[in-house]
Structure formats: structure tokens, C-alpha cells
């Protein structure tokens, strides 16, 4: 039995998934994490480094890494890529001026060797706000249909109301599970 088989068996026993939450500053990454953890989302400040939370969802243990999205922090994102099973890319659906920048950063991430093959969950956040772009608009602006290197799916959501967050995470866990956990 090789080392990779041993590691897969260990992960299977724990059903542990490492999740990296990224996106531009003010997209709502920390709010997403706090909402799914049942914390107050009324007072959020910019993440100047990273937050780590361990959550339990159904049979999965999710180690969630929320990393700040300010321009000055983006070069440090690569320090968190190792052993990532899923990438959650949070988009501010109402920030039309920054969607091109958002697409550029996502495209750059998808070319990273250490993220190849990981599940990609795109959260089109802030759907509760007037003027938010819908799924098809966000998909087109981010060129999601061109992504062939990752299993991906996009969900409309609101981190403030919690709308669609659970469904999105369940899809992510199922996709990761189908790739890395052995089934009897």
C-alpha cells in the first residue's frame, strides 16, 4: 500500500475536507464563514490575515480557511494552497466595477498547480441587494464555461440571510467526496 493510499484511508476515516475561501476584498468571505458557523454577521471587519474554522456538516468535517482579499494580501494566497480539497470563490455580485478584476484573479488561481483538480464552488454573493448580477451574468463575466480543469458550480447566495449557503456547501462536499474518499 502506497503513501497516497494510506493518506486517502486516513482522510476517509475522518471525512475531512480542507476548504480555501478566497475572493476580492469586500466580497463577503468572512460573512459567509460566520453565517454557516452560526455567528453574528452584523459586525464584520476586513480580514488582515486569515481565519480558520472547523465546521461539521452532515458526515463531513470542514476545515475552512478564510484568507483576506486585499490587493496587498493576494500574493500570500499561494501559502494556503497545499492540500486544498475545495476552493470557494466568493463574488460580490453587485460590484460591477470589479468583476473583471475578479475574473482575472480567479483565472490566475485556476492555473496554480497545487489547486489543480480541486473542487471549485463559486458563490455569487449579495443576491439580497438591488442590482446584483444574476447567475448567468456572473458566469459569463467570469468565463466559467471555459473552466475544464476543475469540477465547478455556481450558486446565488446571500451571506447575510444565509440563502443557498447550505445547498452550496452540500454540493461541494459531495463533489469532493466523489473524488477523494473511497467507497465500499
C-alpha atoms as a PDB file:
ATOM      1  CA  UNK A   1       0.000   0.000   0.000  1.00  0.00           C
ATOM      2  CA  UNK A   2       1.487   3.334  -1.092  1.00  0.00           C
ATOM      3  CA  UNK A   3       1.603   6.546   0.867  1.00  0.00           C
ATOM      4  CA  UNK A   4      -1.249   8.074  -1.148  1.00  0.00           C
ATOM      5  CA  UNK A   5      -3.460   5.080  -0.296  1.00  0.00           C
ATOM      6  CA  UNK A   6      -2.664   5.463   3.389  1.00  0.00           C
ATOM      7  CA  UNK A   7      -3.454   9.184   3.280  1.00  0.00           C
ATOM      8  CA  UNK A   8      -6.732   8.529   1.453  1.00  0.00           C
ATOM      9  CA  UNK A   9      -7.729   5.934   4.052  1.00  0.00           C
ATOM     10  CA  UNK A  10      -6.935   8.378   6.863  1.00  0.00           C
ATOM     11  CA  UNK A  11      -8.999  11.102   5.192  1.00  0.00           C
ATOM     12  CA  UNK A  12     -11.816   8.616   4.627  1.00  0.00           C
ATOM     13  CA  UNK A  13     -11.876   7.726   8.303  1.00  0.00           C
ATOM     14  CA  UNK A  14     -12.127  11.372   9.298  1.00  0.00           C
ATOM     15  CA  UNK A  15     -14.140  12.523   6.229  1.00  0.00           C
ATOM     16  CA  UNK A  16     -12.146  15.715   6.496  1.00  0.00           C
ATOM     17  CA  UNK A  17     -12.168  18.362   3.771  1.00  0.00           C
ATOM     18  CA  UNK A  18      -9.780  21.313   3.574  1.00  0.00           C
ATOM     19  CA  UNK A  19     -11.574  24.338   2.120  1.00  0.00           C
ATOM     20  CA  UNK A  20      -9.896  27.553   0.998  1.00  0.00           C
ATOM     21  CA  UNK A  21     -12.198  30.603   0.832  1.00  0.00           C
ATOM     22  CA  UNK A  22     -10.900  33.336  -1.463  1.00  0.00           C
ATOM     23  CA  UNK A  23     -12.209  36.342  -3.365  1.00  0.00           C
ATOM     24  CA  UNK A  24     -11.617  40.057  -3.678  1.00  0.00           C
ATOM     25  CA  UNK A  25     -11.813  42.256  -0.603  1.00  0.00           C
ATOM     26  CA  UNK A  26     -15.371  43.054   0.484  1.00  0.00           C
ATOM     27  CA  UNK A  27     -16.835  40.065  -1.396  1.00  0.00           C
ATOM     28  CA  UNK A  28     -18.223  38.601   1.834  1.00  0.00           C
ATOM     29  CA  UNK A  29     -15.840  35.712   2.580  1.00  0.00           C
ATOM     30  CA  UNK A  30     -15.770  36.199   6.345  1.00  0.00           C
ATOM     31  CA  UNK A  31     -19.514  36.825   6.429  1.00  0.00           C
ATOM     32  CA  UNK A  32     -20.080  33.511   4.601  1.00  0.00           C
ATOM     33  CA  UNK A  33     -17.893  31.690   7.121  1.00  0.00           C
ATOM     34  CA  UNK A  34     -19.524  33.318  10.136  1.00  0.00           C
ATOM     35  CA  UNK A  35     -23.052  32.708   8.834  1.00  0.00           C
ATOM     36  CA  UNK A  36     -22.514  28.983   8.228  1.00  0.00           C
ATOM     37  CA  UNK A  37     -20.924  28.753  11.679  1.00  0.00           C
ATOM     38  CA  UNK A  38     -23.989  30.378  13.277  1.00  0.00           C
ATOM     39  CA  UNK A  39     -22.137  33.516  14.352  1.00  0.00           C
ATOM     40  CA  UNK A  40     -23.331  37.129  14.330  1.00  0.00           C
ATOM     41  CA  UNK A  41     -22.760  38.709  10.917  1.00  0.00           C
ATOM     42  CA  UNK A  42     -23.699  42.268  11.863  1.00  0.00           C
ATOM     43  CA  UNK A  43     -20.178  43.368  12.742  1.00  0.00           C
ATOM     44  CA  UNK A  44     -17.502  42.300  10.265  1.00  0.00           C
ATOM     45  CA  UNK A  45     -14.153  43.955   9.692  1.00  0.00           C
ATOM     46  CA  UNK A  46     -11.705  43.329   6.840  1.00  0.00           C
ATOM     47  CA  UNK A  47      -9.620  40.186   7.284  1.00  0.00           C
ATOM     48  CA  UNK A  48      -5.995  41.266   7.577  1.00  0.00           C
ATOM     49  CA  UNK A  49      -4.615  37.744   7.516  1.00  0.00           C
ATOM     50  CA  UNK A  50      -6.739  34.645   7.762  1.00  0.00           C
ATOM     51  CA  UNK A  51      -9.451  32.973   9.834  1.00  0.00           C
ATOM     52  CA  UNK A  52      -9.734  29.237  10.403  1.00  0.00           C
ATOM     53  CA  UNK A  53     -12.912  27.500  11.490  1.00  0.00           C
ATOM     54  CA  UNK A  54     -13.716  23.820  11.739  1.00  0.00           C
ATOM     55  CA  UNK A  55     -17.331  23.029  10.935  1.00  0.00           C
ATOM     56  CA  UNK A  56     -19.284  19.811  10.859  1.00  0.00           C
ATOM     57  CA  UNK A  57     -21.767  19.333   8.026  1.00  0.00           C
ATOM     58  CA  UNK A  58     -23.591  16.014   7.879  1.00  0.00           C
ATOM     59  CA  UNK A  59     -20.784  13.419   7.918  1.00  0.00           C
ATOM     60  CA  UNK A  60     -18.016  15.835   6.906  1.00  0.00           C
ATOM     61  CA  UNK A  61     -15.521  17.801   8.939  1.00  0.00           C
ATOM     62  CA  UNK A  62     -14.714  21.034   7.095  1.00  0.00           C
ATOM     63  CA  UNK A  63     -11.501  22.889   7.848  1.00  0.00           C
ATOM     64  CA  UNK A  64     -12.328  26.312   6.431  1.00  0.00           C
ATOM     65  CA  UNK A  65      -9.518  28.777   5.679  1.00  0.00           C
ATOM     66  CA  UNK A  66     -10.788  32.323   5.024  1.00  0.00           C
ATOM     67  CA  UNK A  67      -7.970  34.484   3.656  1.00  0.00           C
ATOM     68  CA  UNK A  68      -8.109  38.265   3.236  1.00  0.00           C
ATOM     69  CA  UNK A  69      -8.681  39.542  -0.295  1.00  0.00           C
ATOM     70  CA  UNK A  70      -6.990  42.949  -0.252  1.00  0.00           C
ATOM     71  CA  UNK A  71      -4.535  43.524  -3.106  1.00  0.00           C
ATOM     72  CA  UNK A  72      -1.649  43.568  -0.613  1.00  0.00           C
ATOM     73  CA  UNK A  73      -2.587  40.077   0.645  1.00  0.00           C
ATOM     74  CA  UNK A  74      -3.245  38.295  -2.657  1.00  0.00           C
ATOM     75  CA  UNK A  75       0.403  37.387  -3.205  1.00  0.00           C
ATOM     76  CA  UNK A  76       0.200  35.400   0.058  1.00  0.00           C
ATOM     77  CA  UNK A  77      -2.747  33.280  -1.123  1.00  0.00           C
ATOM     78  CA  UNK A  78      -0.339  30.674  -2.525  1.00  0.00           C
ATOM     79  CA  UNK A  79       0.844  29.931   1.038  1.00  0.00           C
ATOM     80  CA  UNK A  80      -2.535  28.301   1.683  1.00  0.00           C
ATOM     81  CA  UNK A  81      -2.858  26.102  -1.445  1.00  0.00           C
ATOM     82  CA  UNK A  82      -1.239  22.941  -0.070  1.00  0.00           C
ATOM     83  CA  UNK A  83      -3.669  20.022   0.400  1.00  0.00           C
ATOM     84  CA  UNK A  84      -6.705  22.107  -0.559  1.00  0.00           C
ATOM     85  CA  UNK A  85      -9.654  19.890  -1.499  1.00  0.00           C
ATOM     86  CA  UNK A  86     -12.070  22.684  -2.410  1.00  0.00           C
ATOM     87  CA  UNK A  87     -11.778  26.326  -3.385  1.00  0.00           C
ATOM     88  CA  UNK A  88     -14.712  28.587  -2.556  1.00  0.00           C
ATOM     89  CA  UNK A  89     -14.534  31.732  -4.699  1.00  0.00           C
ATOM     90  CA  UNK A  90     -16.797  34.453  -3.275  1.00  0.00           C
ATOM     91  CA  UNK A  91     -18.009  37.157  -5.672  1.00  0.00           C
ATOM     92  CA  UNK A  92     -19.688  40.450  -4.810  1.00  0.00           C
ATOM     93  CA  UNK A  93     -22.499  40.195  -7.374  1.00  0.00           C
ATOM     94  CA  UNK A  94     -23.292  43.877  -7.079  1.00  0.00           C
ATOM     95  CA  UNK A  95     -19.794  45.248  -7.665  1.00  0.00           C
ATOM     96  CA  UNK A  96     -19.861  45.618 -11.462  1.00  0.00           C
ATOM     97  CA  UNK A  97     -16.706  47.744 -11.487  1.00  0.00           C
ATOM     98  CA  UNK A  98     -14.588  44.927 -10.064  1.00  0.00           C
ATOM     99  CA  UNK A  99     -15.949  41.858 -11.851  1.00  0.00           C
ATOM    100  CA  UNK A 100     -13.175  41.995 -14.484  1.00  0.00           C
ATOM    101  CA  UNK A 101     -10.580  42.038 -11.699  1.00  0.00           C
ATOM    102  CA  UNK A 102     -12.467  39.189 -10.042  1.00  0.00           C
ATOM    103  CA  UNK A 103     -12.332  37.134 -13.259  1.00  0.00           C
ATOM    104  CA  UNK A 104      -8.610  37.820 -13.680  1.00  0.00           C
ATOM    105  CA  UNK A 105      -7.786  36.703 -10.116  1.00  0.00           C
ATOM    106  CA  UNK A 106      -9.900  33.550 -10.415  1.00  0.00           C
ATOM    107  CA  UNK A 107      -8.289  32.652 -13.735  1.00  0.00           C
ATOM    108  CA  UNK A 108      -4.852  33.082 -12.177  1.00  0.00           C
ATOM    109  CA  UNK A 109      -5.788  30.800  -9.270  1.00  0.00           C
ATOM    110  CA  UNK A 110      -7.092  28.083 -11.565  1.00  0.00           C
ATOM    111  CA  UNK A 111      -3.675  27.897 -13.217  1.00  0.00           C
ATOM    112  CA  UNK A 112      -1.948  27.090  -9.922  1.00  0.00           C
ATOM    113  CA  UNK A 113      -0.555  23.561  -9.949  1.00  0.00           C
ATOM    114  CA  UNK A 114      -1.330  22.915  -6.264  1.00  0.00           C
ATOM    115  CA  UNK A 115      -5.006  23.714  -6.876  1.00  0.00           C
ATOM    116  CA  UNK A 116      -5.368  21.517  -9.965  1.00  0.00           C
ATOM    117  CA  UNK A 117      -8.284  19.148  -9.642  1.00  0.00           C
ATOM    118  CA  UNK A 118      -9.758  20.686  -6.510  1.00  0.00           C
ATOM    119  CA  UNK A 119     -13.489  21.342  -6.458  1.00  0.00           C
ATOM    120  CA  UNK A 120     -14.448  24.935  -7.313  1.00  0.00           C
ATOM    121  CA  UNK A 121     -17.519  26.430  -5.677  1.00  0.00           C
ATOM    122  CA  UNK A 122     -18.368  29.947  -6.867  1.00  0.00           C
ATOM    123  CA  UNK A 123     -20.673  31.890  -4.569  1.00  0.00           C
ATOM    124  CA  UNK A 124     -22.430  34.781  -6.321  1.00  0.00           C
ATOM    125  CA  UNK A 125     -22.910  36.613  -3.035  1.00  0.00           C
ATOM    126  CA  UNK A 126     -25.034  39.621  -2.070  1.00  0.00           C
ATOM    127  CA  UNK A 127     -28.057  38.496  -4.074  1.00  0.00           C
ATOM    128  CA  UNK A 128     -30.211  40.206  -1.438  1.00  0.00           C
ATOM    129  CA  UNK A 129     -29.040  43.611  -2.680  1.00  0.00           C
ATOM    130  CA  UNK A 130     -30.754  45.510  -5.505  1.00  0.00           C
ATOM    131  CA  UNK A 131     -28.870  45.487  -8.793  1.00  0.00           C
ATOM    132  CA  UNK A 132     -26.969  42.265  -8.115  1.00  0.00           C
ATOM    133  CA  UNK A 133     -25.914  40.394 -11.247  1.00  0.00           C
ATOM    134  CA  UNK A 134     -27.654  37.023 -11.682  1.00  0.00           C
ATOM    135  CA  UNK A 135     -26.008  33.620 -12.166  1.00  0.00           C
ATOM    136  CA  UNK A 136     -25.844  33.712 -15.939  1.00  0.00           C
ATOM    137  CA  UNK A 137     -24.345  37.213 -15.926  1.00  0.00           C
ATOM    138  CA  UNK A 138     -21.719  36.282 -13.322  1.00  0.00           C
ATOM    139  CA  UNK A 139     -20.924  33.011 -15.135  1.00  0.00           C
ATOM    140  CA  UNK A 140     -20.376  34.877 -18.385  1.00  0.00           C
ATOM    141  CA  UNK A 141     -18.287  37.661 -16.830  1.00  0.00           C
ATOM    142  CA  UNK A 142     -16.074  35.109 -15.029  1.00  0.00           C
ATOM    143  CA  UNK A 143     -15.832  32.847 -18.118  1.00  0.00           C
ATOM    144  CA  UNK A 144     -16.902  29.876 -16.009  1.00  0.00           C
ATOM    145  CA  UNK A 145     -17.966  27.798 -19.012  1.00  0.00           C
ATOM    146  CA  UNK A 146     -14.329  27.802 -20.162  1.00  0.00           C
ATOM    147  CA  UNK A 147     -13.140  26.027 -16.991  1.00  0.00           C
ATOM    148  CA  UNK A 148     -12.126  22.454 -17.798  1.00  0.00           C
ATOM    149  CA  UNK A 149      -9.501  21.875 -15.077  1.00  0.00           C
ATOM    150  CA  UNK A 150     -11.920  21.732 -12.133  1.00  0.00           C
ATOM    151  CA  UNK A 151     -15.372  20.440 -11.306  1.00  0.00           C
ATOM    152  CA  UNK A 152     -17.255  23.636 -10.613  1.00  0.00           C
ATOM    153  CA  UNK A 153     -20.660  25.016  -9.849  1.00  0.00           C
ATOM    154  CA  UNK A 154     -22.006  28.480  -9.141  1.00  0.00           C
ATOM    155  CA  UNK A 155     -24.698  29.288  -6.584  1.00  0.00           C
ATOM    156  CA  UNK A 156     -26.535  32.532  -5.954  1.00  0.00           C
ATOM    157  CA  UNK A 157     -26.415  33.302  -2.248  1.00  0.00           C
ATOM    158  CA  UNK A 158     -26.611  35.899   0.453  1.00  0.00           C
ATOM    159  CA  UNK A 159     -24.147  35.581   3.305  1.00  0.00           C
ATOM    160  CA  UNK A 160     -26.278  37.957   5.380  1.00  0.00           C
ATOM    161  CA  UNK A 161     -29.534  35.984   5.066  1.00  0.00           C
ATOM    162  CA  UNK A 162     -27.866  32.582   4.639  1.00  0.00           C
ATOM    163  CA  UNK A 163     -29.804  31.929   1.446  1.00  0.00           C
ATOM    164  CA  UNK A 164     -28.392  28.944  -0.503  1.00  0.00           C
ATOM    165  CA  UNK A 165     -25.231  28.569   1.616  1.00  0.00           C
ATOM    166  CA  UNK A 166     -26.107  25.120   2.942  1.00  0.00           C
ATOM    167  CA  UNK A 167     -27.060  23.813  -0.504  1.00  0.00           C
ATOM    168  CA  UNK A 168     -23.804  25.139  -1.949  1.00  0.00           C
ATOM    169  CA  UNK A 169     -21.679  23.527   0.762  1.00  0.00           C
ATOM    170  CA  UNK A 170     -23.501  20.222   0.419  1.00  0.00           C
ATOM    171  CA  UNK A 171     -22.783  20.189  -3.324  1.00  0.00           C
ATOM    172  CA  UNK A 172     -19.119  20.984  -2.614  1.00  0.00           C
ATOM    173  CA  UNK A 173     -18.803  18.190  -0.048  1.00  0.00           C
ATOM    174  CA  UNK A 174     -20.471  15.673  -2.350  1.00  0.00           C
ATOM    175  CA  UNK A 175     -18.163  16.624  -5.214  1.00  0.00           C
ATOM    176  CA  UNK A 176     -15.022  16.392  -3.058  1.00  0.00           C
ATOM    177  CA  UNK A 177     -16.241  13.121  -1.574  1.00  0.00           C
ATOM    178  CA  UNK A 178     -16.718  11.578  -5.020  1.00  0.00           C
ATOM    179  CA  UNK A 179     -13.075  12.378  -5.813  1.00  0.00           C
ATOM    180  CA  UNK A 180     -11.083  11.668  -2.668  1.00  0.00           C
ATOM    181  CA  UNK A 181     -12.979   9.275  -0.459  1.00  0.00           C
ATOM    182  CA  UNK A 182     -13.022   5.560  -1.167  1.00  0.00           C
ATOM    183  CA  UNK A 183     -16.429   3.986  -1.397  1.00  0.00           C
ATOM    184  CA  UNK A 184     -17.060   0.379  -0.460  1.00  0.00           C
END
